[in-house]
């Protein structure tokens, strides 16, 4: 039987799968990104629908509750995403600075 939190998790995963597909069709990102996000949401959906499949891993990590496992995994995932976004933003800042410098040099001439 599906509990309330499982229902919310499954509903969330299905909505995110739909949004991922929708934005892929609008060509908002590449096939590689689409495959990555569909894999992430599918694994989340399966783990939410069948939490007992995680018990072996949780026992090895000494985690008692499935919710704790998801919270820890979420923190790790979002920390990695934030780091990745930071690296991308720093690269964009450097490119913008280079463009602005070149434009200023052209105007000075």
N, C-alpha and C. Protein backbone atom coordinates (compact mmCIF):
# COMPACT_ATOMS: atom_id res chain seq x y z
N UNK A 1 0.84 -1.18 0.00
CA UNK A 1 0.00 0.00 0.00
C UNK A 1 0.89 1.24 0.00
N UNK A 2 0.50 2.22 -0.77
CA UNK A 2 1.26 3.45 -0.89
C UNK A 2 0.84 4.41 0.21
N UNK A 3 1.85 4.93 0.94
CA UNK A 3 1.56 5.89 2.00
C UNK A 3 1.42 7.29 1.39
N UNK A 4 1.03 8.25 2.22
CA UNK A 4 0.84 9.61 1.75
C UNK A 4 2.11 10.23 1.21
N UNK A 5 3.24 10.03 1.89
CA UNK A 5 4.50 10.61 1.45
C UNK A 5 4.97 9.94 0.15
N UNK A 6 4.69 8.65 0.00
CA UNK A 6 5.03 7.97 -1.24
C UNK A 6 4.20 8.53 -2.40
N UNK A 7 2.94 8.78 -2.14
CA UNK A 7 2.07 9.34 -3.17
C UNK A 7 2.59 10.70 -3.62
N UNK A 8 2.99 11.53 -2.67
CA UNK A 8 3.54 12.84 -3.00
C UNK A 8 4.83 12.68 -3.80
N UNK A 9 5.69 11.76 -3.39
CA UNK A 9 6.95 11.52 -4.10
C UNK A 9 6.73 11.04 -5.52
N UNK A 10 5.79 10.11 -5.70
CA UNK A 10 5.49 9.60 -7.03
C UNK A 10 4.89 10.70 -7.90
N UNK A 11 3.98 11.47 -7.34
CA UNK A 11 3.37 12.57 -8.08
C UNK A 11 4.43 13.60 -8.49
N UNK A 12 5.33 13.94 -7.57
CA UNK A 12 6.42 14.87 -7.87
C UNK A 12 7.29 14.34 -9.01
N UNK A 13 7.67 13.07 -8.93
CA UNK A 13 8.54 12.48 -9.96
C UNK A 13 7.85 12.48 -11.32
N UNK A 14 6.57 12.15 -11.35
CA UNK A 14 5.84 12.15 -12.62
C UNK A 14 5.72 13.55 -13.21
N UNK A 15 5.49 14.54 -12.37
CA UNK A 15 5.42 15.92 -12.84
C UNK A 15 6.78 16.36 -13.39
N UNK A 16 7.85 16.00 -12.69
CA UNK A 16 9.19 16.39 -13.15
C UNK A 16 9.56 15.67 -14.45
N UNK A 17 9.15 14.42 -14.60
CA UNK A 17 9.37 13.71 -15.87
C UNK A 17 8.64 14.41 -17.00
N UNK A 18 7.41 14.81 -16.74
CA UNK A 18 6.63 15.53 -17.75
C UNK A 18 7.29 16.86 -18.11
N UNK A 19 7.71 17.63 -17.11
CA UNK A 19 8.35 18.92 -17.37
C UNK A 19 9.68 18.75 -18.12
N UNK A 20 10.43 17.71 -17.76
CA UNK A 20 11.69 17.43 -18.45
C UNK A 20 11.43 17.15 -19.92
N UNK A 21 10.43 16.33 -20.18
CA UNK A 21 10.07 16.01 -21.56
C UNK A 21 9.58 17.25 -22.30
N UNK A 22 8.76 18.06 -21.65
CA UNK A 22 8.22 19.28 -22.25
C UNK A 22 9.33 20.25 -22.64
N UNK A 23 10.28 20.49 -21.73
CA UNK A 23 11.38 21.41 -22.03
C UNK A 23 12.34 20.83 -23.07
N UNK A 24 12.46 19.52 -23.13
CA UNK A 24 13.27 18.90 -24.17
C UNK A 24 12.63 19.13 -25.53
N UNK A 25 11.32 18.99 -25.61
CA UNK A 25 10.62 19.21 -26.87
C UNK A 25 10.73 20.68 -27.31
N UNK A 26 10.81 21.59 -26.36
CA UNK A 26 10.99 23.02 -26.69
C UNK A 26 12.45 23.33 -27.00
N UNK A 27 13.29 22.31 -27.00
CA UNK A 27 14.72 22.40 -27.28
C UNK A 27 15.44 23.33 -26.31
N UNK A 28 15.05 23.26 -25.03
CA UNK A 28 15.69 24.06 -24.00
C UNK A 28 17.04 23.48 -23.58
N UNK A 29 17.24 22.19 -23.84
CA UNK A 29 18.52 21.58 -23.53
C UNK A 29 18.76 20.38 -24.43
N UNK A 30 19.97 19.84 -24.36
CA UNK A 30 20.42 18.80 -25.28
C UNK A 30 19.86 17.42 -24.92
N UNK A 31 20.09 16.49 -25.83
CA UNK A 31 19.68 15.10 -25.61
C UNK A 31 20.42 14.50 -24.42
N UNK A 32 21.68 14.88 -24.27
CA UNK A 32 22.49 14.39 -23.15
C UNK A 32 21.89 14.85 -21.81
N UNK A 33 21.51 16.11 -21.73
CA UNK A 33 20.88 16.63 -20.51
C UNK A 33 19.53 15.97 -20.27
N UNK A 34 18.78 15.78 -21.35
CA UNK A 34 17.48 15.11 -21.25
C UNK A 34 17.65 13.70 -20.67
N UNK A 35 18.62 12.96 -21.19
CA UNK A 35 18.86 11.60 -20.70
C UNK A 35 19.28 11.60 -19.24
N UNK A 36 20.13 12.54 -18.86
CA UNK A 36 20.57 12.64 -17.47
C UNK A 36 19.39 12.88 -16.53
N UNK A 37 18.56 13.90 -16.86
CA UNK A 37 17.44 14.23 -15.98
C UNK A 37 16.36 13.16 -15.97
N UNK A 38 16.13 12.51 -17.11
CA UNK A 38 15.15 11.42 -17.12
C UNK A 38 15.64 10.26 -16.26
N UNK A 39 16.93 9.99 -16.28
CA UNK A 39 17.49 8.95 -15.43
C UNK A 39 17.33 9.31 -13.96
N UNK A 40 17.64 10.54 -13.61
CA UNK A 40 17.52 10.99 -12.22
C UNK A 40 16.07 10.86 -11.75
N UNK A 41 15.12 11.36 -12.53
CA UNK A 41 13.71 11.31 -12.11
C UNK A 41 13.18 9.88 -12.10
N UNK A 42 13.64 9.04 -13.02
CA UNK A 42 13.19 7.64 -13.03
C UNK A 42 13.70 6.89 -11.80
N UNK A 43 14.96 7.11 -11.45
CA UNK A 43 15.51 6.47 -10.25
C UNK A 43 14.78 6.96 -9.01
N UNK A 44 14.50 8.27 -8.95
CA UNK A 44 13.74 8.82 -7.83
C UNK A 44 12.35 8.19 -7.76
N UNK A 45 11.70 8.04 -8.91
CA UNK A 45 10.37 7.44 -8.96
C UNK A 45 10.41 6.00 -8.46
N UNK A 46 11.35 5.23 -8.93
CA UNK A 46 11.46 3.83 -8.50
C UNK A 46 11.81 3.72 -7.02
N UNK A 47 12.71 4.56 -6.55
CA UNK A 47 13.10 4.53 -5.13
C UNK A 47 11.94 4.95 -4.24
N UNK A 48 11.11 5.87 -4.72
CA UNK A 48 9.95 6.31 -3.95
C UNK A 48 8.87 5.24 -3.94
N UNK A 49 8.67 4.61 -5.09
CA UNK A 49 7.62 3.61 -5.21
C UNK A 49 8.00 2.29 -4.53
N UNK A 50 9.29 1.96 -4.57
CA UNK A 50 9.78 0.72 -3.96
C UNK A 50 10.92 1.04 -2.98
N UNK A 51 10.63 1.64 -1.84
CA UNK A 51 11.70 2.04 -0.91
C UNK A 51 12.44 0.85 -0.31
N UNK A 52 11.83 -0.32 -0.31
CA UNK A 52 12.49 -1.49 0.28
C UNK A 52 13.74 -1.90 -0.50
N UNK A 53 13.85 -1.47 -1.76
CA UNK A 53 15.04 -1.81 -2.54
C UNK A 53 16.29 -1.09 -2.03
N UNK A 54 16.10 -0.06 -1.22
CA UNK A 54 17.22 0.71 -0.69
C UNK A 54 17.71 0.21 0.66
N UNK A 55 17.01 -0.73 1.25
CA UNK A 55 17.32 -1.13 2.62
C UNK A 55 18.73 -1.69 2.78
N UNK A 56 19.22 -2.43 1.79
CA UNK A 56 20.58 -2.98 1.87
C UNK A 56 21.63 -1.89 1.93
N UNK A 57 21.49 -0.89 1.06
CA UNK A 57 22.42 0.24 1.05
C UNK A 57 22.30 1.05 2.33
N UNK A 58 21.07 1.25 2.78
CA UNK A 58 20.85 2.01 4.02
C UNK A 58 21.46 1.30 5.22
N UNK A 59 21.39 -0.01 5.24
CA UNK A 59 21.97 -0.78 6.35
C UNK A 59 23.49 -0.64 6.35
N UNK A 60 24.11 -0.67 5.17
CA UNK A 60 25.56 -0.51 5.07
C UNK A 60 26.00 0.88 5.53
N UNK A 61 25.16 1.90 5.30
CA UNK A 61 25.49 3.27 5.68
C UNK A 61 24.99 3.62 7.08
N UNK A 62 24.39 2.67 7.76
CA UNK A 62 23.84 2.86 9.11
C UNK A 62 22.78 3.96 9.16
N UNK A 63 21.91 3.97 8.16
CA UNK A 63 20.79 4.90 8.10
C UNK A 63 19.53 4.12 8.43
N UNK A 64 18.78 4.61 9.41
CA UNK A 64 17.63 3.87 9.92
C UNK A 64 16.35 4.05 9.09
N UNK A 65 16.10 5.28 8.63
CA UNK A 65 14.84 5.55 7.94
C UNK A 65 15.08 5.94 6.48
N UNK A 66 14.14 5.58 5.63
CA UNK A 66 14.25 5.89 4.21
C UNK A 66 14.22 7.39 3.97
N UNK A 67 13.43 8.12 4.74
CA UNK A 67 13.36 9.57 4.60
C UNK A 67 14.73 10.19 4.87
N UNK A 68 15.43 9.70 5.88
CA UNK A 68 16.77 10.21 6.18
C UNK A 68 17.70 9.98 4.98
N UNK A 69 17.57 8.82 4.36
CA UNK A 69 18.38 8.50 3.19
C UNK A 69 18.13 9.50 2.07
N UNK A 70 16.86 9.80 1.81
CA UNK A 70 16.52 10.76 0.76
C UNK A 70 17.01 12.17 1.10
N UNK A 71 16.92 12.56 2.35
CA UNK A 71 17.39 13.89 2.75
C UNK A 71 18.89 14.00 2.57
N UNK A 72 19.63 13.01 3.01
CA UNK A 72 21.09 13.01 2.84
C UNK A 72 21.45 13.02 1.36
N UNK A 73 20.79 12.17 0.59
CA UNK A 73 21.03 12.14 -0.86
C UNK A 73 20.70 13.46 -1.53
N UNK A 74 19.62 14.10 -1.08
CA UNK A 74 19.24 15.40 -1.63
C UNK A 74 20.28 16.47 -1.34
N UNK A 75 20.79 16.50 -0.12
CA UNK A 75 21.84 17.47 0.22
C UNK A 75 23.08 17.25 -0.64
N UNK A 76 23.48 16.00 -0.82
CA UNK A 76 24.66 15.71 -1.65
C UNK A 76 24.41 16.12 -3.10
N UNK A 77 23.24 15.79 -3.62
CA UNK A 77 22.90 16.11 -5.00
C UNK A 77 22.88 17.62 -5.23
N UNK A 78 22.22 18.35 -4.34
CA UNK A 78 22.12 19.79 -4.53
C UNK A 78 23.44 20.50 -4.29
N UNK A 79 24.28 19.98 -3.44
CA UNK A 79 25.62 20.54 -3.27
C UNK A 79 26.42 20.39 -4.56
N UNK A 80 26.33 19.24 -5.19
CA UNK A 80 27.02 19.02 -6.46
C UNK A 80 26.46 19.94 -7.55
N UNK A 81 25.14 20.10 -7.61
CA UNK A 81 24.52 20.98 -8.60
C UNK A 81 24.96 22.43 -8.38
N UNK A 82 24.97 22.88 -7.13
CA UNK A 82 25.38 24.25 -6.83
C UNK A 82 26.83 24.48 -7.23
N UNK A 83 27.71 23.52 -6.96
CA UNK A 83 29.10 23.65 -7.36
C UNK A 83 29.22 23.75 -8.87
N UNK A 84 28.50 22.90 -9.58
CA UNK A 84 28.52 22.91 -11.05
C UNK A 84 28.04 24.26 -11.58
N UNK A 85 26.96 24.77 -11.03
CA UNK A 85 26.45 26.08 -11.45
C UNK A 85 27.44 27.20 -11.15
N UNK A 86 28.13 27.11 -10.02
CA UNK A 86 29.14 28.10 -9.65
C UNK A 86 30.26 28.13 -10.70
N UNK A 87 30.71 26.96 -11.10
CA UNK A 87 31.77 26.87 -12.11
C UNK A 87 31.30 27.48 -13.43
N UNK A 88 30.09 27.19 -13.83
CA UNK A 88 29.54 27.74 -15.07
C UNK A 88 29.44 29.26 -14.98
N UNK A 89 28.93 29.78 -13.88
CA UNK A 89 28.77 31.22 -13.72
C UNK A 89 30.12 31.93 -13.73
N UNK A 90 31.11 31.36 -13.07
CA UNK A 90 32.44 31.97 -13.08
C UNK A 90 33.00 32.02 -14.51
N UNK A 91 32.78 30.97 -15.28
CA UNK A 91 33.23 30.97 -16.67
C UNK A 91 32.52 32.04 -17.49
N UNK A 92 31.23 32.20 -17.27
CA UNK A 92 30.48 33.25 -17.98
C UNK A 92 30.94 34.64 -17.56
N UNK A 93 31.23 34.82 -16.27
CA UNK A 93 31.75 36.12 -15.81
C UNK A 93 33.06 36.45 -16.52
N UNK A 94 33.94 35.48 -16.65
CA UNK A 94 35.22 35.71 -17.33
C UNK A 94 35.01 36.07 -18.79
N UNK A 95 34.09 35.38 -19.47
CA UNK A 95 33.81 35.69 -20.87
C UNK A 95 33.23 37.09 -21.02
N UNK A 96 32.31 37.46 -20.15
CA UNK A 96 31.71 38.79 -20.20
C UNK A 96 32.77 39.86 -19.95
N UNK A 97 33.63 39.62 -18.99
CA UNK A 97 34.70 40.58 -18.69
C UNK A 97 35.61 40.77 -19.89
N UNK A 98 35.93 39.67 -20.57
CA UNK A 98 36.78 39.75 -21.76
C UNK A 98 36.09 40.55 -22.87
N UNK A 99 34.81 40.31 -23.09
CA UNK A 99 34.05 41.03 -24.13
C UNK A 99 33.97 42.51 -23.81
N UNK A 100 33.68 42.83 -22.55
CA UNK A 100 33.57 44.23 -22.14
C UNK A 100 34.92 44.94 -22.29
N UNK A 101 35.99 44.27 -21.95
CA UNK A 101 37.33 44.85 -22.10
C UNK A 101 37.64 45.13 -23.56
N UNK A 102 37.32 44.17 -24.43
CA UNK A 102 37.55 44.37 -25.88
C UNK A 102 36.71 45.52 -26.41
N UNK A 103 35.45 45.62 -25.98
CA UNK A 103 34.59 46.71 -26.42
C UNK A 103 35.12 48.06 -25.94
N UNK A 104 35.61 48.11 -24.72
CA UNK A 104 36.17 49.36 -24.18
C UNK A 104 37.42 49.77 -24.96
N UNK A 105 38.26 48.82 -25.32
CA UNK A 105 39.46 49.11 -26.10
C UNK A 105 39.10 49.64 -27.48
N UNK A 106 38.06 49.07 -28.10
CA UNK A 106 37.63 49.52 -29.44
C UNK A 106 37.08 50.94 -29.39
N UNK A 107 36.33 51.24 -28.34
CA UNK A 107 35.76 52.59 -28.21
C UNK A 107 36.84 53.62 -27.90
N UNK A 108 37.88 53.20 -27.21
CA UNK A 108 38.96 54.12 -26.87
C UNK A 108 39.76 54.52 -28.10
N UNK A 109 39.76 53.69 -29.12
CA UNK A 109 40.55 53.99 -30.35
C UNK A 109 39.84 54.99 -31.15
